[in-house]
Amino acid sequence: MALFFDRVTIDVNGNCVDGSLGTGNFAIPGKIRRDDDGVPIINAAISAFALEYKNPKEAVIGREELEVEVTSGGSRNGTVAARLNLRPASPNRDWLFTGTVTALVIAELEDGHR
């Protein structure tokens, strides 16, 4: 069994509205192993993130939720998506932000594929 790791940088920008989304692509240099149900053994985790709030510049953040998931990738190419739920600690949810989320894609390759 061989494991494949790849960092994928996802650009994100928008306002503080639930479900802001960005995507990034990856390529795997081998065949992904499948489990007993035929599902590809591949996943993603957050490696890092950096967000800059544009408006207002200085304010308190009430809550940040970030998640990443592989949205396609059963073969050698795929897409990983980042979803952000940002909550300012004020009733004004029109704050603008920009930034990046780095996802770590992890896949189990079939024997002989490295």
C-alpha atoms as a PDB file:
ATOM      1  CA  MET A   1       0.000   0.000   0.000  1.00  0.00           C
ATOM      2  CA  ALA A   2       1.256   3.452  -0.897  1.00  0.00           C
ATOM      3  CA  LEU A   3      -0.171   6.740   0.304  1.00  0.00           C
ATOM      4  CA  PHE A   4      -0.303   9.877  -1.838  1.00  0.00           C
ATOM      5  CA  PHE A   5      -0.300  13.369  -0.307  1.00  0.00           C
ATOM      6  CA  ASP A   6      -0.790  16.657  -2.142  1.00  0.00           C
ATOM      7  CA  ARG A   7      -1.373  20.202  -0.888  1.00  0.00           C
ATOM      8  CA  VAL A   8      -4.004  22.104  -2.847  1.00  0.00           C
ATOM      9  CA  THR A   9      -4.352  25.874  -2.449  1.00  0.00           C
ATOM     10  CA  ILE A  10      -7.914  27.166  -2.747  1.00  0.00           C
ATOM     11  CA  ASP A  11      -8.564  30.882  -3.256  1.00  0.00           C
ATOM     12  CA  VAL A  12     -11.644  32.152  -1.446  1.00  0.00           C
ATOM     13  CA  ASN A  13     -13.293  35.560  -1.347  1.00  0.00           C
ATOM     14  CA  GLY A  14     -16.728  36.968  -0.772  1.00  0.00           C
ATOM     15  CA  ASN A  15     -18.836  38.234   2.071  1.00  0.00           C
ATOM     16  CA  CYS A  16     -19.784  36.642   5.389  1.00  0.00           C
ATOM     17  CA  VAL A  17     -22.648  34.563   4.073  1.00  0.00           C
ATOM     18  CA  ASP A  18     -23.030  30.887   4.910  1.00  0.00           C
ATOM     19  CA  GLY A  19     -21.492  28.501   2.448  1.00  0.00           C
ATOM     20  CA  SER A  20     -18.903  30.626   0.662  1.00  0.00           C
ATOM     21  CA  LEU A  21     -17.084  28.138  -1.513  1.00  0.00           C
ATOM     22  CA  GLY A  22     -13.828  27.820  -3.427  1.00  0.00           C
ATOM     23  CA  THR A  23     -12.289  24.859  -5.242  1.00  0.00           C
ATOM     24  CA  GLY A  24      -8.872  23.599  -6.284  1.00  0.00           C
ATOM     25  CA  ASN A  25      -7.731  20.768  -8.522  1.00  0.00           C
ATOM     26  CA  PHE A  26      -5.262  17.933  -8.005  1.00  0.00           C
ATOM     27  CA  ALA A  27      -3.741  15.106 -10.048  1.00  0.00           C
ATOM     28  CA  ILE A  28      -2.811  11.697  -8.666  1.00  0.00           C
ATOM     29  CA  PRO A  29       0.070   9.806 -10.294  1.00  0.00           C
ATOM     30  CA  GLY A  30      -1.425   6.369  -9.731  1.00  0.00           C
ATOM     31  CA  LYS A  31      -4.621   4.350  -9.449  1.00  0.00           C
ATOM     32  CA  ILE A  32      -6.659   4.982  -6.286  1.00  0.00           C
ATOM     33  CA  ARG A  33      -7.552   1.880  -4.279  1.00  0.00           C
ATOM     34  CA  ARG A  34     -11.260   1.285  -3.629  1.00  0.00           C
ATOM     35  CA  ASP A  35     -12.848  -0.136  -0.494  1.00  0.00           C
ATOM     36  CA  ASP A  36     -15.106  -3.221  -0.397  1.00  0.00           C
ATOM     37  CA  ASP A  37     -18.073  -1.084  -1.514  1.00  0.00           C
ATOM     38  CA  GLY A  38     -16.182   0.295  -4.520  1.00  0.00           C
ATOM     39  CA  VAL A  39     -15.695   3.766  -2.996  1.00  0.00           C
ATOM     40  CA  PRO A  40     -12.314   5.419  -3.742  1.00  0.00           C
ATOM     41  CA  ILE A  41     -10.122   5.736  -0.633  1.00  0.00           C
ATOM     42  CA  ILE A  42      -9.412   9.463  -0.770  1.00  0.00           C
ATOM     43  CA  ASN A  43     -10.008  12.335   1.640  1.00  0.00           C
ATOM     44  CA  ALA A  44      -8.929  15.887   2.436  1.00  0.00           C
ATOM     45  CA  ALA A  45      -7.969  17.784   5.580  1.00  0.00           C
ATOM     46  CA  ILE A  46      -7.269  21.435   6.293  1.00  0.00           C
ATOM     47  CA  SER A  47      -3.542  22.076   6.300  1.00  0.00           C
ATOM     48  CA  ALA A  48      -3.688  25.866   6.751  1.00  0.00           C
ATOM     49  CA  PHE A  49      -5.855  28.887   6.125  1.00  0.00           C
ATOM     50  CA  ALA A  50      -5.396  32.642   5.983  1.00  0.00           C
ATOM     51  CA  LEU A  51      -8.316  35.065   5.801  1.00  0.00           C
ATOM     52  CA  GLU A  52      -8.179  38.830   5.575  1.00  0.00           C
ATOM     53  CA  TYR A  53     -11.289  40.786   6.379  1.00  0.00           C
ATOM     54  CA  LYS A  54     -11.624  43.823   4.109  1.00  0.00           C
ATOM     55  CA  ASN A  55     -14.610  45.636   5.584  1.00  0.00           C
ATOM     56  CA  PRO A  56     -14.402  46.617   8.385  1.00  0.00           C
ATOM     57  CA  LYS A  57     -10.649  46.289   8.867  1.00  0.00           C
ATOM     58  CA  GLU A  58     -10.750  45.894  12.656  1.00  0.00           C
ATOM     59  CA  ALA A  59     -13.582  43.970  14.253  1.00  0.00           C
ATOM     60  CA  VAL A  60     -14.358  40.927  16.365  1.00  0.00           C
ATOM     61  CA  ILE A  61     -15.108  37.592  14.751  1.00  0.00           C
ATOM     62  CA  GLY A  62     -17.907  35.706  16.441  1.00  0.00           C
ATOM     63  CA  ARG A  63     -17.333  32.328  14.778  1.00  0.00           C
ATOM     64  CA  GLU A  64     -15.462  30.717  11.892  1.00  0.00           C
ATOM     65  CA  GLU A  65     -16.190  27.286  10.464  1.00  0.00           C
ATOM     66  CA  LEU A  66     -14.043  25.871   7.683  1.00  0.00           C
ATOM     67  CA  GLU A  67     -14.266  22.479   6.058  1.00  0.00           C
ATOM     68  CA  VAL A  68     -12.759  20.798   3.022  1.00  0.00           C
ATOM     69  CA  GLU A  69     -13.955  17.796   1.072  1.00  0.00           C
ATOM     70  CA  VAL A  70     -13.034  15.931  -2.074  1.00  0.00           C
ATOM     71  CA  THR A  71     -15.962  16.610  -4.418  1.00  0.00           C
ATOM     72  CA  SER A  72     -14.642  14.538  -7.313  1.00  0.00           C
ATOM     73  CA  GLY A  73     -11.628  12.336  -7.605  1.00  0.00           C
ATOM     74  CA  GLY A  74     -12.374   8.689  -8.194  1.00  0.00           C
ATOM     75  CA  SER A  75      -9.702   8.527 -10.878  1.00  0.00           C
ATOM     76  CA  ARG A  76      -6.429  10.377 -11.358  1.00  0.00           C
ATOM     77  CA  ASN A  77      -7.790  13.943 -11.360  1.00  0.00           C
ATOM     78  CA  GLY A  78     -10.092  15.565  -8.885  1.00  0.00           C
ATOM     79  CA  THR A  79     -11.418  18.620  -7.128  1.00  0.00           C
ATOM     80  CA  VAL A  80     -11.329  19.574  -3.483  1.00  0.00           C
ATOM     81  CA  ALA A  81     -13.742  22.218  -2.166  1.00  0.00           C
ATOM     82  CA  ALA A  82     -13.492  24.564   0.807  1.00  0.00           C
ATOM     83  CA  ARG A  83     -16.670  25.752   2.522  1.00  0.00           C
ATOM     84  CA  LEU A  84     -16.562  28.683   4.933  1.00  0.00           C
ATOM     85  CA  ASN A  85     -19.224  29.772   7.394  1.00  0.00           C
ATOM     86  CA  LEU A  86     -18.114  33.099   8.828  1.00  0.00           C
ATOM     87  CA  ARG A  87     -19.985  34.928  11.569  1.00  0.00           C
ATOM     88  CA  PRO A  88     -18.991  38.457  12.523  1.00  0.00           C
ATOM     89  CA  ALA A  89     -19.758  39.447  16.094  1.00  0.00           C
ATOM     90  CA  SER A  90     -22.128  42.120  14.828  1.00  0.00           C
ATOM     91  CA  PRO A  91     -25.476  42.079  13.053  1.00  0.00           C
ATOM     92  CA  ASN A  92     -23.825  43.355   9.840  1.00  0.00           C
ATOM     93  CA  ARG A  93     -22.996  40.249   7.799  1.00  0.00           C
ATOM     94  CA  ASP A  94     -21.837  42.118   4.707  1.00  0.00           C
ATOM     95  CA  TRP A  95     -18.158  42.046   5.650  1.00  0.00           C
ATOM     96  CA  LEU A  96     -15.902  41.295   2.709  1.00  0.00           C
ATOM     97  CA  PHE A  97     -13.028  38.830   2.978  1.00  0.00           C
ATOM     98  CA  THR A  98     -10.333  37.275   0.839  1.00  0.00           C
ATOM     99  CA  GLY A  99      -7.845  34.529   1.504  1.00  0.00           C
ATOM    100  CA  THR A 100      -6.664  31.004   0.923  1.00  0.00           C
ATOM    101  CA  VAL A 101      -7.371  27.581   2.358  1.00  0.00           C
ATOM    102  CA  THR A 102      -4.739  24.887   1.891  1.00  0.00           C
ATOM    103  CA  ALA A 103      -6.160  21.378   1.782  1.00  0.00           C
ATOM    104  CA  LEU A 104      -4.105  18.214   2.166  1.00  0.00           C
ATOM    105  CA  VAL A 105      -5.450  15.527  -0.183  1.00  0.00           C
ATOM    106  CA  ILE A 106      -4.693  11.981   0.986  1.00  0.00           C
ATOM    107  CA  ALA A 107      -5.290   8.940  -1.222  1.00  0.00           C
ATOM    108  CA  GLU A 108      -4.443   5.288  -0.907  1.00  0.00           C
ATOM    109  CA  LEU A 109      -2.936   3.949  -4.121  1.00  0.00           C
ATOM    110  CA  GLU A 110      -3.169   0.402  -5.398  1.00  0.00           C
ATOM    111  CA  ASP A 111      -0.070  -1.753  -5.002  1.00  0.00           C
ATOM    112  CA  GLY A 112       2.476  -1.052  -7.693  1.00  0.00           C
ATOM    113  CA  HIS A 113       1.274   2.553  -8.213  1.00  0.00           C
ATOM    114  CA  ARG A 114       3.558   5.148  -6.661  1.00  0.00           C
END
